[in-house]
Amino acid sequence: MEDFGKIKWQSRRGMRELDLMLLPFVDKDLPNMDPKYVDMYMDLLNATDLELFRWLHGTAEPDSQSRKEMIEIIIACHATRVGVEGV
């Protein structure tokens, strides 16, 4: 069992744009996912803030297929959440 409190703490990046996408993802989506996605997310956290920002905002391509897949999942979850909360 993963310690999602620790994962959430590691997800705090100090950049508002990243925190608005990553923290809700860790709270609401990641705990319901297969452990392989948790591992992929933990790998993603090894990237720099600038890399994450660029990947999440589509101005750069992630440097591996697994990171690309995880970024796509985070973006999709965020879009769904914003759509639901915006109603």
PDB file of N, CA and C in Angstrom:
ATOM      1  N   MET A   1       0.839  -1.192   0.000  1.00  0.00           N
ATOM      2  CA  MET A   1       0.000   0.000   0.000  1.00  0.00           C
ATOM      3  C   MET A   1       0.879   1.250   0.000  1.00  0.00           C
ATOM      4  N   GLU A   2       0.568   2.143  -0.895  1.00  0.00           N
ATOM      5  CA  GLU A   2       1.358   3.369  -1.004  1.00  0.00           C
ATOM      6  C   GLU A   2       0.959   4.374   0.082  1.00  0.00           C
ATOM      7  N   ASP A   3       1.897   5.171   0.500  1.00  0.00           N
ATOM      8  CA  ASP A   3       1.641   6.245   1.455  1.00  0.00           C
ATOM      9  C   ASP A   3       1.309   7.497   0.649  1.00  0.00           C
ATOM     10  N   PHE A   4       0.009   7.725   0.426  1.00  0.00           N
ATOM     11  CA  PHE A   4      -0.392   8.837  -0.427  1.00  0.00           C
ATOM     12  C   PHE A   4      -0.143  10.190   0.232  1.00  0.00           C
ATOM     13  N   GLY A   5      -0.036  10.214   1.565  1.00  0.00           N
ATOM     14  CA  GLY A   5       0.346  11.451   2.236  1.00  0.00           C
ATOM     15  C   GLY A   5       1.759  11.872   1.825  1.00  0.00           C
ATOM     16  N   LYS A   6       2.647  10.889   1.775  1.00  0.00           N
ATOM     17  CA  LYS A   6       4.032  11.157   1.356  1.00  0.00           C
ATOM     18  C   LYS A   6       4.076  11.558  -0.118  1.00  0.00           C
ATOM     19  N   ILE A   7       3.292  10.857  -0.928  1.00  0.00           N
ATOM     20  CA  ILE A   7       3.246  11.192  -2.357  1.00  0.00           C
ATOM     21  C   ILE A   7       2.708  12.601  -2.555  1.00  0.00           C
ATOM     22  N   LYS A   8       1.675  12.962  -1.784  1.00  0.00           N
ATOM     23  CA  LYS A   8       1.115  14.317  -1.899  1.00  0.00           C
ATOM     24  C   LYS A   8       2.166  15.353  -1.500  1.00  0.00           C
ATOM     25  N   TRP A   9       2.894  15.075  -0.430  1.00  0.00           N
ATOM     26  CA  TRP A   9       3.935  16.008   0.011  1.00  0.00           C
ATOM     27  C   TRP A   9       4.988  16.195  -1.092  1.00  0.00           C
ATOM     28  N   GLN A  10       5.381  15.101  -1.741  1.00  0.00           N
ATOM     29  CA  GLN A  10       6.371  15.180  -2.809  1.00  0.00           C
ATOM     30  C   GLN A  10       5.803  15.880  -4.049  1.00  0.00           C
ATOM     31  N   SER A  11       4.479  15.906  -4.156  1.00  0.00           N
ATOM     32  CA  SER A  11       3.834  16.551  -5.303  1.00  0.00           C
ATOM     33  C   SER A  11       3.747  18.065  -5.153  1.00  0.00           C
ATOM     34  N   ARG A  12       3.932  18.563  -3.948  1.00  0.00           N
ATOM     35  CA  ARG A  12       3.912  20.016  -3.724  1.00  0.00           C
ATOM     36  C   ARG A  12       5.155  20.608  -4.365  1.00  0.00           C
ATOM     37  N   ARG A  13       4.939  21.388  -5.385  1.00  0.00           N
ATOM     38  CA  ARG A  13       6.076  21.889  -6.143  1.00  0.00           C
ATOM     39  C   ARG A  13       6.361  23.361  -5.852  1.00  0.00           C
ATOM     40  N   GLY A  14       5.435  24.064  -5.240  1.00  0.00           N
ATOM     41  CA  GLY A  14       5.651  25.476  -4.951  1.00  0.00           C
ATOM     42  C   GLY A  14       5.376  26.369  -6.141  1.00  0.00           C
ATOM     43  N   MET A  15       4.907  25.784  -7.217  1.00  0.00           N
ATOM     44  CA  MET A  15       4.517  26.550  -8.403  1.00  0.00           C
ATOM     45  C   MET A  15       2.999  26.351  -8.518  1.00  0.00           C
ATOM     46  N   ARG A  16       2.256  27.419  -8.364  1.00  0.00           N
ATOM     47  CA  ARG A  16       0.799  27.343  -8.302  1.00  0.00           C
ATOM     48  C   ARG A  16       0.199  26.528  -9.449  1.00  0.00           C
ATOM     49  N   GLU A  17       0.680  26.749 -10.649  1.00  0.00           N
ATOM     50  CA  GLU A  17       0.139  26.061 -11.821  1.00  0.00           C
ATOM     51  C   GLU A  17       0.301  24.547 -11.709  1.00  0.00           C
ATOM     52  N   LEU A  18       1.414  24.114 -11.144  1.00  0.00           N
ATOM     53  CA  LEU A  18       1.638  22.676 -10.964  1.00  0.00           C
ATOM     54  C   LEU A  18       0.805  22.130  -9.815  1.00  0.00           C
ATOM     55  N   ASP A  19       0.791  22.856  -8.713  1.00  0.00           N
ATOM     56  CA  ASP A  19       0.034  22.397  -7.549  1.00  0.00           C
ATOM     57  C   ASP A  19      -1.452  22.256  -7.857  1.00  0.00           C
ATOM     58  N   LEU A  20      -1.999  23.135  -8.686  1.00  0.00           N
ATOM     59  CA  LEU A  20      -3.422  23.064  -9.030  1.00  0.00           C
ATOM     60  C   LEU A  20      -3.767  21.820  -9.847  1.00  0.00           C
ATOM     61  N   MET A  21      -2.791  21.249 -10.516  1.00  0.00           N
ATOM     62  CA  MET A  21      -3.027  20.029 -11.290  1.00  0.00           C
ATOM     63  C   MET A  21      -2.605  18.776 -10.527  1.00  0.00           C
ATOM     64  N   LEU A  22      -1.467  18.830  -9.870  1.00  0.00           N
ATOM     65  CA  LEU A  22      -0.923  17.624  -9.245  1.00  0.00           C
ATOM     66  C   LEU A  22      -1.613  17.250  -7.939  1.00  0.00           C
ATOM     67  N   LEU A  23      -1.874  18.225  -7.075  1.00  0.00           N
ATOM     68  CA  LEU A  23      -2.425  17.895  -5.759  1.00  0.00           C
ATOM     69  C   LEU A  23      -3.828  17.295  -5.835  1.00  0.00           C
ATOM     70  N   PRO A  24      -4.747  17.849  -6.630  1.00  0.00           N
ATOM     71  CA  PRO A  24      -6.059  17.184  -6.758  1.00  0.00           C
ATOM     72  C   PRO A  24      -5.942  15.801  -7.397  1.00  0.00           C
ATOM     73  N   PHE A  25      -5.009  15.643  -8.318  1.00  0.00           N
ATOM     74  CA  PHE A  25      -4.793  14.344  -8.950  1.00  0.00           C
ATOM     75  C   PHE A  25      -4.395  13.302  -7.900  1.00  0.00           C
ATOM     76  N   VAL A  26      -3.481  13.681  -7.018  1.00  0.00           N
ATOM     77  CA  VAL A  26      -3.029  12.752  -5.970  1.00  0.00           C
ATOM     78  C   VAL A  26      -4.158  12.468  -4.982  1.00  0.00           C
ATOM     79  N   ASP A  27      -4.956  13.473  -4.671  1.00  0.00           N
ATOM     80  CA  ASP A  27      -6.061  13.292  -3.720  1.00  0.00           C
ATOM     81  C   ASP A  27      -7.190  12.435  -4.283  1.00  0.00           C
ATOM     82  N   LYS A  28      -7.571  12.691  -5.523  1.00  0.00           N
ATOM     83  CA  LYS A  28      -8.814  12.133  -6.044  1.00  0.00           C
ATOM     84  C   LYS A  28      -8.651  11.016  -7.067  1.00  0.00           C
ATOM     85  N   ASP A  29      -7.578  10.995  -7.796  1.00  0.00           N
ATOM     86  CA  ASP A  29      -7.449  10.051  -8.904  1.00  0.00           C
ATOM     87  C   ASP A  29      -6.431   8.939  -8.658  1.00  0.00           C
ATOM     88  N   LEU A  30      -5.237   9.324  -8.270  1.00  0.00           N
ATOM     89  CA  LEU A  30      -4.152   8.353  -8.137  1.00  0.00           C
ATOM     90  C   LEU A  30      -4.468   7.196  -7.177  1.00  0.00           C
ATOM     91  N   PRO A  31      -5.126   7.441  -6.036  1.00  0.00           N
ATOM     92  CA  PRO A  31      -5.404   6.324  -5.123  1.00  0.00           C
ATOM     93  C   PRO A  31      -6.277   5.216  -5.732  1.00  0.00           C
ATOM     94  N   ASN A  32      -7.035   5.525  -6.770  1.00  0.00           N
ATOM     95  CA  ASN A  32      -7.913   4.545  -7.405  1.00  0.00           C
ATOM     96  C   ASN A  32      -7.265   3.836  -8.585  1.00  0.00           C
ATOM     97  N   MET A  33      -6.021   4.149  -8.857  1.00  0.00           N
ATOM     98  CA  MET A  33      -5.347   3.605 -10.031  1.00  0.00           C
ATOM     99  C   MET A  33      -4.513   2.378  -9.687  1.00  0.00           C
ATOM    100  N   ASP A  34      -4.240   1.621 -10.719  1.00  0.00           N
ATOM    101  CA  ASP A  34      -3.377   0.453 -10.624  1.00  0.00           C
ATOM    102  C   ASP A  34      -2.004   0.891 -10.098  1.00  0.00           C
ATOM    103  N   PRO A  35      -1.354   0.059  -9.283  1.00  0.00           N
ATOM    104  CA  PRO A  35      -0.034   0.408  -8.742  1.00  0.00           C
ATOM    105  C   PRO A  35       0.998   0.790  -9.800  1.00  0.00           C
ATOM    106  N   LYS A  36       0.874   0.273 -11.021  1.00  0.00           N
ATOM    107  CA  LYS A  36       1.860   0.645 -12.061  1.00  0.00           C
ATOM    108  C   LYS A  36       1.785   2.141 -12.351  1.00  0.00           C
ATOM    109  N   TYR A  37       0.585   2.732 -12.248  1.00  0.00           N
ATOM    110  CA  TYR A  37       0.449   4.161 -12.483  1.00  0.00           C
ATOM    111  C   TYR A  37       1.026   4.970 -11.323  1.00  0.00           C
ATOM    112  N   VAL A  38       0.936   4.421 -10.131  1.00  0.00           N
ATOM    113  CA  VAL A  38       1.571   5.075  -8.980  1.00  0.00           C
ATOM    114  C   VAL A  38       3.075   5.119  -9.204  1.00  0.00           C
ATOM    115  N   ASP A  39       3.640   4.016  -9.673  1.00  0.00           N
ATOM    116  CA  ASP A  39       5.082   3.974  -9.967  1.00  0.00           C
ATOM    117  C   ASP A  39       5.438   4.976 -11.069  1.00  0.00           C
ATOM    118  N   MET A  40       4.597   5.047 -12.096  1.00  0.00           N
ATOM    119  CA  MET A  40       4.850   5.988 -13.190  1.00  0.00           C
ATOM    120  C   MET A  40       4.784   7.420 -12.677  1.00  0.00           C
ATOM    121  N   TYR A  41       3.836   7.696 -11.796  1.00  0.00           N
ATOM    122  CA  TYR A  41       3.709   9.038 -11.221  1.00  0.00           C
ATOM    123  C   TYR A  41       4.931   9.382 -10.381  1.00  0.00           C
ATOM    124  N   MET A  42       5.387   8.420  -9.576  1.00  0.00           N
ATOM    125  CA  MET A  42       6.574   8.668  -8.751  1.00  0.00           C
ATOM    126  C   MET A  42       7.790   8.969  -9.624  1.00  0.00           C
ATOM    127  N   ASP A  43       7.913   8.287 -10.753  1.00  0.00           N
ATOM    128  CA  ASP A  43       8.993   8.587 -11.693  1.00  0.00           C
ATOM    129  C   ASP A  43       8.843  10.004 -12.239  1.00  0.00           C
ATOM    130  N   LEU A  44       7.618  10.389 -12.527  1.00  0.00           N
ATOM    131  CA  LEU A  44       7.348  11.730 -13.057  1.00  0.00           C
ATOM    132  C   LEU A  44       7.810  12.809 -12.081  1.00  0.00           C
ATOM    133  N   LEU A  45       7.672  12.541 -10.792  1.00  0.00           N
ATOM    134  CA  LEU A  45       8.072  13.530  -9.783  1.00  0.00           C
ATOM    135  C   LEU A  45       9.573  13.778  -9.747  1.00  0.00           C
ATOM    136  N   ASN A  46      10.349  12.928 -10.418  1.00  0.00           N
ATOM    137  CA  ASN A  46      11.798  13.157 -10.499  1.00  0.00           C
ATOM    138  C   ASN A  46      12.153  14.257 -11.499  1.00  0.00           C
ATOM    139  N   ALA A  47      11.188  14.659 -12.312  1.00  0.00           N
ATOM    140  CA  ALA A  47      11.424  15.732 -13.285  1.00  0.00           C
ATOM    141  C   ALA A  47      11.478  17.077 -12.560  1.00  0.00           C
ATOM    142  N   THR A  48      12.089  18.038 -13.210  1.00  0.00           N
ATOM    143  CA  THR A  48      12.155  19.380 -12.628  1.00  0.00           C
ATOM    144  C   THR A  48      10.791  20.066 -12.756  1.00  0.00           C
ATOM    145  N   ASP A  49      10.598  21.110 -11.968  1.00  0.00           N
ATOM    146  CA  ASP A  49       9.357  21.885 -12.051  1.00  0.00           C
ATOM    147  C   ASP A  49       9.160  22.444 -13.456  1.00  0.00           C
ATOM    148  N   LEU A  50      10.217  22.940 -14.046  1.00  0.00           N
ATOM    149  CA  LEU A  50      10.114  23.518 -15.384  1.00  0.00           C
ATOM    150  C   LEU A  50       9.706  22.461 -16.407  1.00  0.00           C
ATOM    151  N   GLU A  51      10.296  21.275 -16.304  1.00  0.00           N
ATOM    152  CA  GLU A  51       9.901  20.192 -17.214  1.00  0.00           C
ATOM    153  C   GLU A  51       8.423  19.855 -17.041  1.00  0.00           C
ATOM    154  N   LEU A  52       7.993  19.678 -15.791  1.00  0.00           N
ATOM    155  CA  LEU A  52       6.591  19.352 -15.526  1.00  0.00           C
ATOM    156  C   LEU A  52       5.659  20.435 -16.067  1.00  0.00           C
ATOM    157  N   PHE A  53       6.013  21.675 -15.836  1.00  0.00           N
ATOM    158  CA  PHE A  53       5.193  22.784 -16.321  1.00  0.00           C
ATOM    159  C   PHE A  53       5.063  22.725 -17.838  1.00  0.00           C
ATOM    160  N   ARG A  54       6.168  22.560 -18.511  1.00  0.00           N
ATOM    161  CA  ARG A  54       6.147  22.515 -19.982  1.00  0.00           C
ATOM    162  C   ARG A  54       5.352  21.315 -20.495  1.00  0.00           C
ATOM    163  N   TRP A  55       5.538  20.169 -19.867  1.00  0.00           N
ATOM    164  CA  TRP A  55       4.819  18.969 -20.297  1.00  0.00           C
ATOM    165  C   TRP A  55       3.322  19.113 -20.072  1.00  0.00           C
ATOM    166  N   LEU A  56       2.936  19.609 -18.898  1.00  0.00           N
ATOM    167  CA  LEU A  56       1.517  19.734 -18.571  1.00  0.00           C
ATOM    168  C   LEU A  56       0.816  20.814 -19.393  1.00  0.00           C
ATOM    169  N   HIS A  57       1.579  21.770 -19.874  1.00  0.00           N
ATOM    170  CA  HIS A  57       0.983  22.842 -20.676  1.00  0.00           C
ATOM    171  C   HIS A  57       1.230  22.667 -22.175  1.00  0.00           C
ATOM    172  N   GLY A  58       1.831  21.538 -22.547  1.00  0.00           N
ATOM    173  CA  GLY A  58       1.970  21.181 -23.945  1.00  0.00           C
ATOM    174  C   GLY A  58       3.007  21.948 -24.734  1.00  0.00           C
ATOM    175  N   THR A  59       3.947  22.570 -24.046  1.00  0.00           N
ATOM    176  CA  THR A  59       4.975  23.316 -24.770  1.00  0.00           C
ATOM    177  C   THR A  59       6.248  22.495 -24.985  1.00  0.00           C
ATOM    178  N   ALA A  60       6.263  21.275 -24.428  1.00  0.00           N
ATOM    179  CA  ALA A  60       7.389  20.357 -24.631  1.00  0.00           C
ATOM    180  C   ALA A  60       6.861  18.929 -24.499  1.00  0.00           C
ATOM    181  N   GLU A  61       7.590  18.004 -25.104  1.00  0.00           N
ATOM    182  CA  GLU A  61       7.231  16.585 -25.050  1.00  0.00           C
ATOM    183  C   GLU A  61       7.972  15.920 -23.890  1.00  0.00           C
ATOM    184  N   PRO A  62       7.281  15.094 -23.117  1.00  0.00           N
ATOM    185  CA  PRO A  62       7.977  14.336 -22.067  1.00  0.00           C
ATOM    186  C   PRO A  62       9.098  13.480 -22.660  1.00  0.00           C
ATOM    187  N   ASP A  63      10.076  13.185 -21.826  1.00  0.00           N
ATOM    188  CA  ASP A  63      11.284  12.508 -22.285  1.00  0.00           C
ATOM    189  C   ASP A  63      11.194  10.982 -22.302  1.00  0.00           C
ATOM    190  N   SER A  64      10.036  10.410 -21.979  1.00  0.00           N
ATOM    191  CA  SER A  64       9.856   8.959 -22.086  1.00  0.00           C
ATOM    192  C   SER A  64       8.381   8.675 -22.351  1.00  0.00           C
ATOM    193  N   GLN A  65       8.114   7.480 -22.855  1.00  0.00           N
ATOM    194  CA  GLN A  65       6.735   7.101 -23.152  1.00  0.00           C
ATOM    195  C   GLN A  65       5.892   7.013 -21.881  1.00  0.00           C
ATOM    196  N   SER A  66       6.463   6.485 -20.801  1.00  0.00           N
ATOM    197  CA  SER A  66       5.689   6.365 -19.565  1.00  0.00           C
ATOM    198  C   SER A  66       5.359   7.735 -18.982  1.00  0.00           C
ATOM    199  N   ARG A  67       6.299   8.661 -19.066  1.00  0.00           N
ATOM    200  CA  ARG A  67       6.013  10.020 -18.590  1.00  0.00           C
ATOM    201  C   ARG A  67       4.968  10.697 -19.475  1.00  0.00           C
ATOM    202  N   LYS A  68       5.041  10.461 -20.772  1.00  0.00           N
ATOM    203  CA  LYS A  68       4.036  11.017 -21.677  1.00  0.00           C
ATOM    204  C   LYS A  68       2.651  10.482 -21.321  1.00  0.00           C
ATOM    205  N   GLU A  69       2.560   9.200 -21.085  1.00  0.00           N
ATOM    206  CA  GLU A  69       1.276   8.591 -20.719  1.00  0.00           C
ATOM    207  C   GLU A  69       0.745   9.166 -19.411  1.00  0.00           C
ATOM    208  N   MET A  70       1.616   9.323 -18.430  1.00  0.00           N
ATOM    209  CA  MET A  70       1.190   9.859 -17.138  1.00  0.00           C
ATOM    210  C   MET A  70       0.740  11.306 -17.268  1.00  0.00           C
ATOM    211  N   ILE A  71       1.437  12.100 -18.047  1.00  0.00           N
ATOM    212  CA  ILE A  71       1.047  13.494 -18.281  1.00  0.00           C
ATOM    213  C   ILE A  71      -0.336  13.536 -18.931  1.00  0.00           C
ATOM    214  N   GLU A  72      -0.571  12.674 -19.913  1.00  0.00           N
ATOM    215  CA  GLU A  72      -1.876  12.633 -20.581  1.00  0.00           C
ATOM    216  C   GLU A  72      -2.987  12.275 -19.595  1.00  0.00           C
ATOM    217  N   ILE A  73      -2.703  11.356 -18.684  1.00  0.00           N
ATOM    218  CA  ILE A  73      -3.691  10.965 -17.670  1.00  0.00           C
ATOM    219  C   ILE A  73      -3.986  12.132 -16.738  1.00  0.00           C
ATOM    220  N   ILE A  74      -2.950  12.813 -16.277  1.00  0.00           N
ATOM    221  CA  ILE A  74      -3.141  13.949 -15.369  1.00  0.00           C
ATOM    222  C   ILE A  74      -3.955  15.041 -16.053  1.00  0.00           C
ATOM    223  N   ILE A  75      -3.623  15.351 -17.296  1.00  0.00           N
ATOM    224  CA  ILE A  75      -4.353  16.387 -18.046  1.00  0.00           C
ATOM    225  C   ILE A  75      -5.814  15.988 -18.208  1.00  0.00           C
ATOM    226  N   ALA A  76      -6.080  14.728 -18.547  1.00  0.00           N
ATOM    227  CA  ALA A  76      -7.461  14.266 -18.729  1.00  0.00           C
ATOM    228  C   ALA A  76      -8.242  14.336 -17.415  1.00  0.00           C
ATOM    229  N   CYS A  77      -7.624  13.916 -16.327  1.00  0.00           N
ATOM    230  CA  CYS A  77      -8.287  13.977 -15.022  1.00  0.00           C
ATOM    231  C   CYS A  77      -8.568  15.428 -14.628  1.00  0.00           C
ATOM    232  N   HIS A  78      -7.618  16.298 -14.874  1.00  0.00           N
ATOM    233  CA  HIS A  78      -7.792  17.716 -14.562  1.00  0.00           C
ATOM    234  C   HIS A  78      -8.928  18.319 -15.383  1.00  0.00           C
ATOM    235  N   ALA A  79      -8.965  17.999 -16.664  1.00  0.00           N
ATOM    236  CA  ALA A  79     -10.021  18.528 -17.547  1.00  0.00           C
ATOM    237  C   ALA A  79     -11.397  18.053 -17.084  1.00  0.00           C
ATOM    238  N   THR A  80     -11.485  16.803 -16.690  1.00  0.00           N
ATOM    239  CA  THR A  80     -12.757  16.259 -16.197  1.00  0.00           C
ATOM    240  C   THR A  80     -13.172  16.964 -14.912  1.00  0.00           C
ATOM    241  N   ARG A  81     -12.229  17.145 -14.017  1.00  0.00           N
ATOM    242  CA  ARG A  81     -12.501  17.801 -12.745  1.00  0.00           C
ATOM    243  C   ARG A  81     -12.925  19.251 -12.943  1.00  0.00           C
ATOM    244  N   VAL A  82     -12.231  19.969 -13.790  1.00  0.00           N
ATOM    245  CA  VAL A  82     -12.559  21.377 -14.046  1.00  0.00           C
ATOM    246  C   VAL A  82     -13.942  21.471 -14.699  1.00  0.00           C
ATOM    247  N   GLY A  83     -14.214  20.548 -15.610  1.00  0.00           N
ATOM    248  CA  GLY A  83     -15.527  20.528 -16.264  1.00  0.00           C
ATOM    249  C   GLY A  83     -16.644  20.287 -15.271  1.00  0.00           C
ATOM    250  N   VAL A  84     -16.422  19.368 -14.335  1.00  0.00           N
ATOM    251  CA  VAL A  84     -17.439  19.049 -13.323  1.00  0.00           C
ATOM    252  C   VAL A  84     -17.587  20.206 -12.339  1.00  0.00           C
ATOM    253  N   GLU A  85     -16.457  20.749 -11.872  1.00  0.00           N
ATOM    254  CA  GLU A  85     -16.505  21.827 -10.893  1.00  0.00           C
ATOM    255  C   GLU A  85     -17.003  23.129 -11.508  1.00  0.00           C
ATOM    256  N   GLY A  86     -16.823  23.273 -12.812  1.00  0.00           N
ATOM    257  CA  GLY A  86     -17.245  24.508 -13.476  1.00  0.00           C
ATOM    258  C   GLY A  86     -18.745  24.565 -13.759  1.00  0.00           C
ATOM    259  N   VAL A  87     -19.437  23.443 -13.545  1.00  0.00           N
ATOM    260  CA  VAL A  87     -20.882  23.397 -13.817  1.00  0.00           C
ATOM    261  C   VAL A  87     -21.667  23.951 -12.680  1.00  0.00           C
TER     262      VAL A  87
END
